[in-house]
């Protein structure tokens, strides 16, 4: 905090001044030479400057010295900043899960072999903000609970879009037909569809609605059942695009014709 060189010079000044005073006493009060007087005056001036600087540094040190009050204020400030960071993180996470993407767990066997019970997947929402759902997209949507349901809450189903708005769909001979033509690109179901349900007869899909099926169609409750029915675009929560668990099956989910 203190300049050692200045302290040494100041001590030397003091020593020289003392020498001048002793010499003056030995001369019996005879006036010292002008050079001595001038040198002594300069040294005394420097000594005063040093004392002033020393006083200033001591004052700064006392100001900077932490007190119990300042430590308490810093602690409160740190807690406040931590709370702000946590709230900001929660707000950003909420925005992401509401508008961008979120994680969910697959339950049941209706989407095998594409998805299995216990798989964890990422649902992204941006595709349907800027575009329309496409055939073979794997989507998530809510289904109203029957009666009391599971704690009285809606269930969320994972299914694949098969029929698009304005199309006429029918299931016959174990296969899907769109506008009277067999859907040859429907390679996600590995077995014949034994029960056509509501689609045993031609069903015309309304605008802004989609016909969905599970890949494991003989073990799936989907648009063939009046309990699920057609799915409106506004009800689609998002598109399943990535499986993150188990790690042995990590990867993107394709859904193209």
Protein backbone atom coordinates (compact mmCIF):
# COMPACT_ATOMS: atom_id res chain seq x y z
CA UNK A 1 0.00 0.00 0.00
CA UNK A 2 2.93 2.35 0.79
CA UNK A 3 5.76 3.23 -1.56
CA UNK A 4 8.95 1.98 0.09
CA UNK A 5 11.15 4.26 -2.04
CA UNK A 6 9.25 7.35 -0.94
CA UNK A 7 9.49 6.27 2.70
CA UNK A 8 13.27 5.80 2.39
CA UNK A 9 13.66 9.23 0.72
CA UNK A 10 11.56 10.87 3.42
CA UNK A 11 13.65 9.28 6.17
CA UNK A 12 16.77 10.58 4.41
CA UNK A 13 15.21 14.07 4.31
CA UNK A 14 14.59 13.94 8.02
CA UNK A 15 18.17 12.84 8.67
CA UNK A 16 19.61 15.65 6.53
CA UNK A 17 17.42 18.25 8.24
CA UNK A 18 18.66 17.03 11.62
CA UNK A 19 22.26 17.35 10.37
CA UNK A 20 21.60 20.92 9.24
CA UNK A 21 20.14 21.81 12.63
CA UNK A 22 23.12 20.35 14.52
CA UNK A 23 25.51 22.23 12.26
CA UNK A 24 23.60 25.44 12.93
CA UNK A 25 23.88 24.89 16.69
CA UNK A 26 27.67 24.28 16.41
CA UNK A 27 28.07 27.60 14.58
CA UNK A 28 26.49 29.35 17.56
CA UNK A 29 23.46 30.56 15.72
CA UNK A 30 25.40 31.64 12.64
CA UNK A 31 23.13 31.65 9.64
CA UNK A 32 23.63 28.57 7.42
CA UNK A 33 24.66 28.97 3.83
CA UNK A 34 21.87 29.75 1.38
CA UNK A 35 22.38 26.38 -0.35
CA UNK A 36 21.75 24.67 2.98
CA UNK A 37 18.64 26.74 3.60
CA UNK A 38 17.36 26.02 0.11
CA UNK A 39 18.04 22.28 0.39
CA UNK A 40 16.37 22.11 3.80
CA UNK A 41 13.29 23.95 2.50
CA UNK A 42 12.98 21.58 -0.46
CA UNK A 43 13.29 18.55 1.76
CA UNK A 44 10.74 19.88 4.23
CA UNK A 45 8.32 20.51 1.37
CA UNK A 46 8.79 16.96 0.12
CA UNK A 47 8.30 15.71 3.66
CA UNK A 48 4.96 17.53 3.87
CA UNK A 49 3.95 16.07 0.49
CA UNK A 50 4.84 12.61 1.71
CA UNK A 51 2.84 13.04 4.91
CA UNK A 52 -0.13 14.27 2.89
CA UNK A 53 0.10 11.26 0.54
CA UNK A 54 0.43 8.92 3.51
CA UNK A 55 -2.68 10.43 5.07
CA UNK A 56 -4.60 10.05 1.79
CA UNK A 57 -3.61 6.39 1.44
CA UNK A 58 -4.66 5.66 5.02
CA UNK A 59 -8.05 7.26 4.37
CA UNK A 60 -8.53 5.18 1.20
CA UNK A 61 -7.56 2.05 3.09
CA UNK A 62 -10.12 2.79 5.80
CA UNK A 63 -12.79 3.34 3.14
CA UNK A 64 -11.94 0.10 1.34
CA UNK A 65 -11.66 -1.94 4.52
CA UNK A 66 -14.66 -4.30 4.58
CA UNK A 67 -17.10 -3.88 7.42
CA UNK A 68 -19.72 -6.25 8.80
CA UNK A 69 -22.41 -4.07 7.23
CA UNK A 70 -20.83 -4.16 3.76
CA UNK A 71 -20.36 -7.94 4.03
CA UNK A 72 -24.06 -8.32 4.86
CA UNK A 73 -25.01 -6.17 1.89
CA UNK A 74 -22.84 -8.29 -0.39
CA UNK A 75 -24.46 -11.47 0.94
CA UNK A 76 -27.95 -10.06 0.32
CA UNK A 77 -26.91 -8.95 -3.14
CA UNK A 78 -25.53 -12.43 -3.95
CA UNK A 79 -28.76 -14.10 -2.79
CA UNK A 80 -30.80 -11.65 -4.86
CA UNK A 81 -28.72 -12.30 -8.00
CA UNK A 82 -29.02 -16.07 -7.47
CA UNK A 83 -32.81 -15.77 -7.18
CA UNK A 84 -32.94 -13.66 -10.36
CA UNK A 85 -30.83 -16.24 -12.25
CA UNK A 86 -33.07 -19.11 -11.07
CA UNK A 87 -36.24 -17.26 -12.07
CA UNK A 88 -34.75 -16.37 -15.43
CA UNK A 89 -33.72 -19.99 -16.03
CA UNK A 90 -37.21 -21.21 -15.09
CA UNK A 91 -38.79 -18.64 -17.42
CA UNK A 92 -36.56 -19.63 -20.35
CA UNK A 93 -37.19 -23.34 -19.72
CA UNK A 94 -40.95 -22.70 -19.66
CA UNK A 95 -40.77 -20.85 -22.97
CA UNK A 96 -38.79 -23.69 -24.55
CA UNK A 97 -41.17 -26.43 -23.37
CA UNK A 98 -44.23 -24.41 -24.35
CA UNK A 99 -43.12 -23.20 -27.79
CA UNK A 100 -40.11 -25.26 -28.93
CA UNK A 101 -39.71 -28.81 -27.57
CA UNK A 102 -40.20 -31.06 -24.58
CA UNK A 103 -39.45 -34.62 -23.44
CA UNK A 104 -41.98 -37.37 -22.82
CA UNK A 105 -42.10 -41.11 -22.14
CA UNK A 106 -43.86 -43.61 -24.39
CA UNK A 107 -46.30 -45.92 -22.66
CA UNK A 108 -47.73 -49.06 -24.21
CA UNK A 109 -47.03 -51.11 -27.33
CA UNK A 110 -49.22 -49.37 -29.90
CA UNK A 111 -46.27 -47.88 -31.82
CA UNK A 112 -44.04 -50.96 -32.02
CA UNK A 113 -41.68 -51.62 -33.67
CA UNK A 114 -41.02 -47.88 -34.16
CA UNK A 115 -41.38 -46.98 -30.47
CA UNK A 116 -41.50 -49.27 -27.47
CA UNK A 117 -42.88 -48.97 -23.98
CA UNK A 118 -40.49 -46.94 -21.81
CA UNK A 119 -38.79 -45.08 -24.67
CA UNK A 120 -38.03 -41.40 -24.03
CA UNK A 121 -38.56 -39.08 -26.97
CA UNK A 122 -38.28 -35.37 -27.77
CA UNK A 123 -41.37 -33.63 -29.13
CA UNK A 124 -40.71 -30.52 -31.20
CA UNK A 125 -43.38 -27.93 -31.95
CA UNK A 126 -41.75 -25.64 -34.50
CA UNK A 127 -42.68 -27.76 -37.52
CA UNK A 128 -46.39 -27.09 -37.07
CA UNK A 129 -45.95 -23.42 -36.26
CA UNK A 130 -44.42 -22.80 -39.68
CA UNK A 131 -45.93 -25.70 -41.63
CA UNK A 132 -48.61 -28.37 -41.87
CA UNK A 133 -48.52 -31.95 -40.54
CA UNK A 134 -47.49 -34.48 -43.21
CA UNK A 135 -48.38 -38.08 -43.86
CA UNK A 136 -46.41 -40.51 -41.67
CA UNK A 137 -45.43 -37.86 -39.11
CA UNK A 138 -45.48 -39.33 -35.60
CA UNK A 139 -47.47 -36.90 -33.46
CA UNK A 140 -48.65 -36.43 -29.89
CA UNK A 141 -52.18 -35.29 -29.04
CA UNK A 142 -54.55 -35.36 -26.05
CA UNK A 143 -57.53 -37.68 -25.71
CA UNK A 144 -60.32 -36.85 -23.32
CA UNK A 145 -60.41 -39.13 -20.31
CA UNK A 146 -63.27 -41.62 -20.06
CA UNK A 147 -65.33 -40.96 -16.95
CA UNK A 148 -62.90 -40.20 -14.18
CA UNK A 149 -60.04 -41.42 -16.36
CA UNK A 150 -56.52 -41.43 -15.02
CA UNK A 151 -56.88 -38.98 -12.13
CA UNK A 152 -59.52 -37.24 -14.23
CA UNK A 153 -56.88 -35.91 -16.65
CA UNK A 154 -56.56 -36.22 -20.42
CA UNK A 155 -54.20 -38.87 -21.78
CA UNK A 156 -51.65 -38.08 -24.48
CA UNK A 157 -51.40 -40.52 -27.37
CA UNK A 158 -48.51 -41.09 -29.78
CA UNK A 159 -49.68 -42.11 -33.27
CA UNK A 160 -48.74 -41.81 -36.93
CA UNK A 161 -50.63 -39.58 -39.38
CA UNK A 162 -52.05 -41.68 -42.23
CA UNK A 163 -54.94 -39.67 -43.69
CA UNK A 164 -54.78 -35.96 -44.59
CA UNK A 165 -57.54 -33.32 -44.77
CA UNK A 166 -59.91 -33.75 -47.72
CA UNK A 167 -58.94 -37.36 -48.41
CA UNK A 168 -61.23 -40.38 -48.30
CA UNK A 169 -59.73 -43.26 -46.33
CA UNK A 170 -60.81 -46.86 -46.02
CA UNK A 171 -59.26 -50.00 -44.52
CA UNK A 172 -60.06 -53.17 -46.40
CA UNK A 173 -58.32 -56.48 -46.95
CA UNK A 174 -55.90 -55.54 -44.16
CA UNK A 175 -54.53 -52.45 -45.98
CA UNK A 176 -55.14 -48.70 -46.09
CA UNK A 177 -56.68 -47.13 -49.18
CA UNK A 178 -56.59 -43.40 -49.90
CA UNK A 179 -59.12 -42.07 -52.43
CA UNK A 180 -59.62 -45.63 -53.67
CA UNK A 181 -55.92 -46.44 -54.13
CA UNK A 182 -53.85 -48.66 -51.88
CA UNK A 183 -51.29 -46.75 -49.80
CA UNK A 184 -48.20 -48.61 -50.99
CA UNK A 185 -45.81 -46.45 -48.96
CA UNK A 186 -47.39 -47.61 -45.70
CA UNK A 187 -44.43 -49.75 -44.60
CA UNK A 188 -44.56 -48.94 -40.90
CA UNK A 189 -47.15 -51.59 -40.06
CA UNK A 190 -45.60 -55.06 -40.31
CA UNK A 191 -48.85 -57.02 -40.28
CA UNK A 192 -52.29 -56.83 -41.84
CA UNK A 193 -54.84 -54.63 -40.11
CA UNK A 194 -57.45 -57.04 -38.85
CA UNK A 195 -59.98 -54.49 -37.62
CA UNK A 196 -60.83 -51.45 -39.73
CA UNK A 197 -63.17 -50.03 -37.10
CA UNK A 198 -64.79 -46.80 -38.29
CA UNK A 199 -62.76 -47.07 -41.51
CA UNK A 200 -64.34 -50.35 -42.64
CA UNK A 201 -66.35 -48.05 -44.86
CA UNK A 202 -64.92 -45.02 -46.69
CA UNK A 203 -64.39 -42.07 -44.34
CA UNK A 204 -63.96 -38.54 -45.70
CA UNK A 205 -61.57 -36.51 -43.57
CA UNK A 206 -62.67 -32.95 -42.87
CA UNK A 207 -60.46 -29.91 -43.33
CA UNK A 208 -58.01 -29.35 -40.49
CA UNK A 209 -58.40 -32.98 -39.35
CA UNK A 210 -56.12 -36.01 -39.59
CA UNK A 211 -56.63 -39.78 -39.45
CA UNK A 212 -54.01 -41.41 -37.22
CA UNK A 213 -53.03 -45.05 -36.67
CA UNK A 214 -50.57 -46.85 -34.45
CA UNK A 215 -47.81 -48.82 -36.17
CA UNK A 216 -48.85 -51.89 -34.16
CA UNK A 217 -52.39 -51.56 -35.48
CA UNK A 218 -53.81 -54.71 -34.00
CA UNK A 219 -52.83 -53.41 -30.53
CA UNK A 220 -53.69 -49.74 -31.03
CA UNK A 221 -56.58 -47.46 -30.09
CA UNK A 222 -56.60 -44.74 -32.75
CA UNK A 223 -58.84 -42.94 -35.27
CA UNK A 224 -60.61 -46.22 -36.07
CA UNK A 225 -62.18 -45.94 -32.62
CA UNK A 226 -64.81 -43.27 -31.88
CA UNK A 227 -63.10 -42.76 -28.52
CA UNK A 228 -60.18 -41.14 -30.38
CA UNK A 229 -61.67 -40.22 -33.74
CA UNK A 230 -60.14 -37.66 -36.06
CA UNK A 231 -57.40 -35.44 -34.66
CA UNK A 232 -57.60 -31.69 -35.24
CA UNK A 233 -54.43 -29.80 -36.05
CA UNK A 234 -55.04 -27.50 -33.08
CA UNK A 235 -54.94 -30.54 -30.79
CA UNK A 236 -51.57 -31.79 -32.02
CA UNK A 237 -48.98 -31.03 -29.34
CA UNK A 238 -46.00 -31.63 -31.58
CA UNK A 239 -44.00 -34.00 -33.73
CA UNK A 240 -41.86 -36.82 -32.35
CA UNK A 241 -38.49 -36.40 -34.02
CA UNK A 242 -35.84 -37.87 -31.70
CA UNK A 243 -35.57 -40.90 -29.41
CA UNK A 244 -33.06 -40.30 -26.60
CA UNK A 245 -33.57 -43.46 -24.55
CA UNK A 246 -32.55 -46.23 -24.60
CA UNK A 247 -29.18 -45.10 -25.90
CA UNK A 248 -28.92 -48.24 -28.05
CA UNK A 249 -31.86 -46.90 -30.10
CA UNK A 250 -30.90 -43.23 -30.00
CA UNK A 251 -31.72 -41.44 -33.24
CA UNK A 252 -34.09 -39.45 -35.41
CA UNK A 253 -37.53 -40.76 -36.36
CA UNK A 254 -38.18 -40.61 -40.08
CA UNK A 255 -41.66 -40.22 -41.45
CA UNK A 256 -41.62 -39.92 -45.23
CA UNK A 257 -43.69 -41.42 -47.99
